[in-house]
Each structure stands twice: as C-alpha cells, then as structure tokens.
Protein backbone atom coordinates (compact mmCIF):
# COMPACT_ATOMS: atom_id res chain seq x y z
CA UNK A 1 -10.55 -26.65 -9.98
CA UNK A 2 -11.41 -24.22 -7.26
CA UNK A 3 -14.02 -21.69 -8.09
CA UNK A 4 -12.87 -18.09 -8.40
CA UNK A 5 -13.65 -16.06 -5.15
CA UNK A 6 -16.20 -13.26 -5.83
CA UNK A 7 -15.87 -10.20 -4.06
CA UNK A 8 -17.83 -6.98 -3.98
CA UNK A 9 -16.98 -3.60 -2.15
CA UNK A 10 -19.80 -1.44 -0.28
CA UNK A 11 -18.74 1.49 0.80
CA UNK A 12 -19.60 2.03 4.53
CA UNK A 13 -18.14 5.53 5.21
CA UNK A 14 -15.87 8.33 4.02
CA UNK A 15 -14.04 10.72 6.23
CA UNK A 16 -11.91 13.84 5.31
CA UNK A 17 -8.56 13.34 7.18
CA UNK A 18 -6.83 16.59 5.81
CA UNK A 19 -5.28 18.65 8.35
CA UNK A 20 -2.98 21.48 6.95
CA UNK A 21 -1.82 22.39 10.12
CA UNK A 22 -0.56 19.23 10.85
CA UNK A 23 0.95 18.71 7.63
CA UNK A 24 -1.50 15.70 6.61
CA UNK A 25 -2.39 16.84 3.01
CA UNK A 26 -1.44 14.11 0.61
CA UNK A 27 -1.93 10.81 2.48
CA UNK A 28 -0.07 8.40 0.23
CA UNK A 29 0.10 5.11 2.24
CA UNK A 30 -1.75 3.10 4.87
CA UNK A 31 -1.43 0.35 7.14
CA UNK A 32 -3.41 -1.02 10.19
CA UNK A 33 -2.30 -2.25 13.27
CA UNK A 34 -2.46 -6.06 14.53
CA UNK A 35 -5.64 -5.72 16.74
CA UNK A 36 -7.32 -3.66 13.91
CA UNK A 37 -8.07 -0.74 16.07
CA UNK A 38 -6.05 2.00 14.53
CA UNK A 39 -4.27 3.27 11.26
CA UNK A 40 -1.44 4.79 10.37
CA UNK A 41 -0.42 6.94 7.49
CA UNK A 42 2.31 9.12 5.69
CA UNK A 43 2.00 12.26 3.65
CA UNK A 44 4.65 12.74 1.01
CA UNK A 45 5.02 16.26 1.85
CA UNK A 46 5.49 16.35 5.25
CA UNK A 47 8.12 14.46 7.45
CA UNK A 48 5.94 12.62 9.75
CA UNK A 49 4.09 9.76 10.46
CA UNK A 50 0.13 10.03 11.65
CA UNK A 51 -1.60 7.88 13.53
CA UNK A 52 -5.55 7.61 12.87
CA UNK A 53 -8.64 6.19 14.62
CA UNK A 54 -10.90 3.96 12.06
CA UNK A 55 -12.84 7.16 11.56
CA UNK A 56 -9.76 9.15 10.33
CA UNK A 57 -9.40 11.44 13.19
CA UNK A 58 -5.84 12.02 13.97
CA UNK A 59 -4.42 10.96 17.21
CA UNK A 60 -1.77 13.94 17.73
CA UNK A 61 -0.39 12.13 20.80
CA UNK A 62 0.48 9.03 18.64
CA UNK A 63 1.75 10.99 15.89
CA UNK A 64 5.28 12.03 15.20
CA UNK A 65 8.04 13.86 13.22
CA UNK A 66 10.78 11.87 11.47
CA UNK A 67 13.80 13.37 9.46
CA UNK A 68 12.29 11.88 6.08
CA UNK A 69 10.38 13.41 3.46
CA UNK A 70 8.94 11.74 0.05
CA UNK A 71 7.31 8.98 2.12
CA UNK A 72 5.23 6.91 -0.14
CA UNK A 73 4.02 3.65 1.43
CA UNK A 74 3.79 2.70 5.02
CA UNK A 75 3.53 -1.16 6.80
CA UNK A 76 3.64 -2.29 10.31
CA UNK A 77 5.47 -5.03 11.79
CA UNK A 78 3.92 -8.60 12.90
CA UNK A 79 4.37 -7.51 16.48
CA UNK A 80 3.45 -3.91 16.23
CA UNK A 81 6.75 -2.65 17.18
CA UNK A 82 7.89 -0.87 14.01
CA UNK A 83 6.84 0.94 11.13
CA UNK A 84 8.19 0.17 7.81
CA UNK A 85 8.13 3.28 5.70
CA UNK A 86 9.08 3.60 1.97
CA UNK A 87 11.17 6.64 0.39
CA UNK A 88 10.54 6.81 -3.46
CA UNK A 89 13.17 9.20 -4.22
CA UNK A 90 15.93 6.93 -2.93
CA UNK A 91 14.18 3.63 -3.33
CA UNK A 92 14.72 2.89 0.23
CA UNK A 93 12.96 1.27 3.05
CA UNK A 94 13.36 2.83 6.39
CA UNK A 95 12.52 0.95 9.72
CA UNK A 96 10.91 3.13 12.57
CA UNK A 97 10.95 2.05 16.31
CA UNK A 98 7.24 2.91 17.40
CA UNK A 99 8.22 2.77 20.80
CA UNK A 100 11.27 5.53 20.67
CA UNK A 101 9.84 6.95 17.35
CA UNK A 102 13.28 7.13 16.06
CA UNK A 103 14.61 5.73 12.79
CA UNK A 104 16.47 2.09 13.60
CA UNK A 105 17.83 1.69 9.99
CA UNK A 106 17.54 2.81 6.26
CA UNK A 107 18.21 0.26 3.54
CA UNK A 108 18.44 1.33 -0.07
CA UNK A 109 17.18 -1.60 -2.57
CA UNK A 110 20.59 -1.06 -4.36
CA UNK A 111 22.46 -2.31 -1.33
CA UNK A 112 20.65 -5.57 -0.81
CA UNK A 113 21.86 -8.91 -1.91
CA UNK A 114 20.59 -9.95 -5.25
CA UNK A 115 19.69 -6.46 -6.36
CA UNK A 116 21.35 -6.97 -9.76
CA UNK A 117 18.60 -9.20 -10.61
CA UNK A 118 16.17 -6.20 -10.89
CA UNK A 119 18.97 -3.26 -11.53
CA UNK A 120 17.51 -2.64 -14.79
CA UNK A 121 13.90 -1.47 -13.54
CA UNK A 122 15.72 1.15 -11.50
CA UNK A 123 17.39 3.67 -13.99
CA UNK A 124 20.18 5.74 -12.53
CA UNK A 125 18.40 9.01 -12.90
CA UNK A 126 14.94 8.43 -11.25
CA UNK A 127 11.94 8.39 -13.53
CA UNK A 128 9.72 8.93 -10.71
CA UNK A 129 8.24 5.41 -11.05
CA UNK A 130 10.08 4.13 -8.17
CA UNK A 131 8.94 1.90 -4.94
CA UNK A 132 5.42 3.20 -3.80
CA UNK A 133 3.55 0.52 -1.35
CA UNK A 134 5.02 -2.03 1.15
CA UNK A 135 3.21 -4.65 3.16
CA UNK A 136 4.34 -7.39 5.53
CA UNK A 137 3.56 -10.96 5.01
CA UNK A 138 1.89 -11.83 8.28
CA UNK A 139 2.63 -15.81 7.69
CA UNK A 140 6.40 -15.40 7.17
CA UNK A 141 7.50 -11.88 8.06
CA UNK A 142 8.47 -11.26 4.34
CA UNK A 143 8.08 -7.97 3.07
CA UNK A 144 6.48 -7.01 -0.22
CA UNK A 145 7.46 -3.56 -2.07
CA UNK A 146 6.03 -2.50 -5.21
CA UNK A 147 7.28 -0.40 -7.92
CA UNK A 148 4.59 2.03 -9.35
CA UNK A 149 5.35 1.61 -13.30
CA UNK A 150 7.75 1.29 -16.21
CA UNK A 151 7.28 -1.66 -15.13
CA UNK A 152 5.03 -2.31 -12.38
CA UNK A 153 7.42 -4.78 -9.90
CA UNK A 154 6.54 -6.43 -7.14
CA UNK A 155 9.51 -7.51 -4.97
CA UNK A 156 9.84 -10.17 -2.01
CA UNK A 157 12.30 -9.11 0.66
CA UNK A 158 13.53 -11.28 3.92
CA UNK A 159 12.06 -10.12 7.02
CA UNK A 160 15.89 -8.37 7.81
CA UNK A 161 15.43 -6.37 4.69
CA UNK A 162 18.98 -7.11 3.40
CA UNK A 163 17.85 -9.64 0.68
CA UNK A 164 15.82 -9.69 -2.61
CA UNK A 165 14.19 -13.06 -2.49
CA UNK A 166 12.20 -12.76 -5.88
CA UNK A 167 10.60 -10.31 -8.13
CA UNK A 168 7.42 -10.53 -10.71
CA UNK A 169 6.64 -8.26 -13.18
CA UNK A 170 2.91 -7.11 -12.99
CA UNK A 171 1.90 -8.42 -16.73
CA UNK A 172 -1.31 -8.41 -18.45
CA UNK A 173 -1.18 -12.05 -19.06
CA UNK A 174 -1.33 -12.69 -15.01
CA UNK A 175 -4.52 -10.43 -14.89
CA UNK A 176 -3.19 -6.70 -14.48
CA UNK A 177 -5.22 -5.09 -17.09
CA UNK A 178 -7.94 -2.57 -17.04
CA UNK A 179 -10.56 -1.89 -19.50
CA UNK A 180 -9.98 2.12 -19.64
CA UNK A 181 -6.25 2.08 -19.77
CA UNK A 182 -3.93 1.21 -22.33
CA UNK A 183 -1.25 -1.49 -21.41
CA UNK A 184 1.70 0.08 -19.60
CA UNK A 185 -0.33 2.73 -18.44
CA UNK A 186 -1.51 0.89 -15.32
CA UNK A 187 -0.04 1.90 -12.22
CA UNK A 188 0.58 0.41 -8.60
CA UNK A 189 0.25 2.57 -5.43
CA UNK A 190 -0.66 0.40 -2.44
CA UNK A 191 -0.29 -2.98 -0.90
CA UNK A 192 -2.14 -4.67 1.89
CA UNK A 193 -1.34 -8.50 2.82
CA UNK A 194 -4.72 -10.42 3.14
CA UNK A 195 -3.40 -13.06 6.08
CA UNK A 196 -6.96 -14.94 5.74
CA UNK A 197 -6.54 -15.76 2.15
CA UNK A 198 -2.79 -15.48 1.94
CA UNK A 199 -2.95 -12.89 -0.92
CA UNK A 200 -1.87 -9.47 -1.67
CA UNK A 201 -4.28 -6.61 -2.43
CA UNK A 202 -2.86 -4.04 -4.78
CA UNK A 203 -4.07 -0.11 -5.39
CA UNK A 204 -3.87 1.24 -8.76
CA UNK A 205 -4.08 4.97 -8.73
CA UNK A 206 -4.98 5.33 -12.56
CA UNK A 207 -7.30 2.24 -12.40
CA UNK A 208 -8.90 3.64 -9.46
CA UNK A 209 -9.40 0.14 -8.19
CA UNK A 210 -7.99 -2.94 -6.23
CA UNK A 211 -6.27 -6.07 -7.45
CA UNK A 212 -6.66 -9.37 -5.65
CA UNK A 213 -3.42 -11.24 -6.32
CA UNK A 214 -2.52 -14.49 -5.60
CA UNK A 215 1.22 -14.59 -5.43
CA UNK A 216 1.75 -18.47 -5.46
CA UNK A 217 -0.36 -18.63 -8.65
CA UNK A 218 1.03 -15.59 -10.38
CA UNK A 219 -2.42 -14.53 -11.00
CA UNK A 220 -5.18 -11.58 -10.47
CA UNK A 221 -7.99 -13.31 -8.88
CA UNK A 222 -10.44 -10.13 -9.04
CA UNK A 223 -10.36 -6.43 -9.96
CA UNK A 224 -12.43 -4.18 -7.60
CA UNK A 225 -13.66 -0.98 -8.59
CA UNK A 226 -13.05 1.39 -5.97
CA UNK A 227 -16.53 2.94 -6.30
CA UNK A 228 -18.01 5.72 -3.77
CA UNK A 229 -21.74 6.81 -4.47
CA UNK A 230 -22.43 10.27 -4.24
CA UNK A 231 -26.12 11.61 -4.38
CA UNK A 232 -27.08 8.84 -6.20
CA UNK A 233 -24.11 9.21 -8.59
CA UNK A 234 -21.37 6.43 -8.49
CA UNK A 235 -17.64 7.80 -8.55
CA UNK A 236 -14.21 6.63 -8.15
CA UNK A 237 -11.66 7.00 -5.59
CA UNK A 238 -9.28 9.34 -7.13
CA UNK A 239 -5.29 8.73 -6.64
CA UNK A 240 -5.83 5.69 -4.56
CA UNK A 241 -2.54 5.56 -2.88
CA UNK A 242 -3.14 3.41 0.37
CA UNK A 243 -4.79 0.23 1.39
CA UNK A 244 -5.19 -1.63 4.43
CA UNK A 245 -7.30 -4.60 4.93
CA UNK A 246 -8.89 -6.07 7.73
CA UNK A 247 -9.39 -9.98 6.77
CA UNK A 248 -11.26 -10.63 10.25
CA UNK A 249 -13.65 -7.91 10.25
CA UNK A 250 -13.87 -7.90 6.25
CA UNK A 251 -12.95 -3.99 6.11
CA UNK A 252 -10.92 -2.69 3.45
CA UNK A 253 -9.57 1.00 4.43
CA UNK A 254 -8.40 3.41 1.26
CA UNK A 255 -6.81 6.74 1.33
CA UNK A 256 -7.09 9.19 -1.47
CA UNK A 257 -4.25 11.10 -1.96
CA UNK A 258 -5.93 14.10 -3.87
CA UNK A 259 -8.85 14.41 -1.67
CA UNK A 260 -7.49 13.38 1.57
CA UNK A 261 -10.33 11.11 2.44
CA UNK A 262 -10.25 7.83 4.08
CA UNK A 263 -13.11 5.39 2.76
CA UNK A 264 -14.10 2.45 4.50
CA UNK A 265 -15.65 -0.56 2.45
CA UNK A 266 -17.24 -3.66 3.48
CA UNK A 267 -15.96 -6.85 1.66
CA UNK A 268 -18.58 -9.11 0.47
CA UNK A 269 -17.39 -12.60 -0.33
CA UNK A 270 -20.02 -13.89 -2.71
CA UNK A 271 -18.11 -17.03 -3.58
C-alpha cells in the first residue's frame, strides 16, 4: 500500500482585498486561471465578478457586473473561455462567457437528469445550506459542486451541466471530521481540483481547514488547518469560503469572507 501523503501549509503572504467602492466586501469563491497568473472571485453581496492578481489587487478593467446576486462559488473552464458560478439561493450553475462577459446559460440542479437521486437533500423551502463551491476536473471536464451541509454533499456533473453523474455524502467515515466540531456541524464552502494529484481540495468555513479528498477512493487523505501566524501568535483563517490550488507551483490561495483577505500558502509535500 502506498504511504499516505503528508502535506504542510506555510503562509507566504496575506493581502486585504476589500474594496467597498467596487462592492468587493465578502469574497465567497475563488478560482485560478490556466497559467496561474490571475484569480477570479465573487462577493455574495454584489452582482459582479472580480479579477485579481496574485497579490489580491483588483483589475478593474477585467472585472465586470452580471445580473446575478447571492453568488457563492466560481470556477474557470479548462480553456479559460468561461466562468462557472454558483447561485446558492436557487442551487443553479451559471455559465458566463469571459469574452463577451455575458451570461451564456443558467442550469438549476433541479432541471438536470438524475436530480431525483439527490432531491431529498434539497428541501422545497431552502435551508441556507445549498450549493457553495464549484471546480472543474481538468482531466475530463466534469464539474464538481458541493452542498454546504445538512448533509455535506459532493456532486459530479457532466461537462454540459445537464446530467448529475454521481453524488457522495461527505461523511465522518471518509475522514470528514474535526476535533473541535461535533458530527454534523462541519460545513463545506469551497472546492479546487488538483490536476497533479487528481484529487479535490475542500475548504471548510467552520473547520477553518482544508480537506484533501480522493474522490476515487472515497477518502480524506489529510486535513490541513488554515493557520496564519500573527505577531508570534497562531490564528486560523476565519470563514474560509474560497480555495484555489496551483499544483505546478505548490501554491494554495484562500479567501476569507469575513476579513476580505487573500492568503497565499506554500504547499509542502513531505511524503
């Protein structure tokens, strides 16, 4: 049996990205473009998509308004031509063309083939535990979305966003546990596909951590606390709502909804 990987996160820098004049107050999703040179985020109180450099500076010319609010997650397509955003209140996925900056299509989960297999987890009266994070599998174009809780659910969609291929409850026996949280209290807020390891990194707001998840083996490989050292004291990232991994450079980018900060970590692989 292969030895379990052993990862460490080292905080390299943190950057305030709050910009009330642009409406960037509560960053709630994060994605990295294909060459690793720029990030995109959404703010759940503003109808806009923001492009940032790797130090969190907003490019106003490359940011734009769209006719959607309550945006919770964002992912970029494999060819950098589209952004996929998640609207939690309707549990819908919206495709935005990056060239025209227009909405191309809107796909509610409930309209997808095989929705009946997961419908029981989505009450008619939304319980504010809907879709939060999204990422694209760079190997096959499949899309993963995560339901925040009650229960945490990782859902795999086909590239056209018309069919639910499979879904998995994120359970304790897979490794989704936290020493400071009771079972059922853990939540899931962000996703990033790791094209080097063919795994998924899942952020938890309440857990203040990342789970490194192997979809094929149904197993958490490791839980990494999102620790930031401040003046000699260790603190945790508050409300980590978005994560983006750059596996080629071993960088992990995390945004805090509450503090509107971008954290840049180095991912050390000690295995």
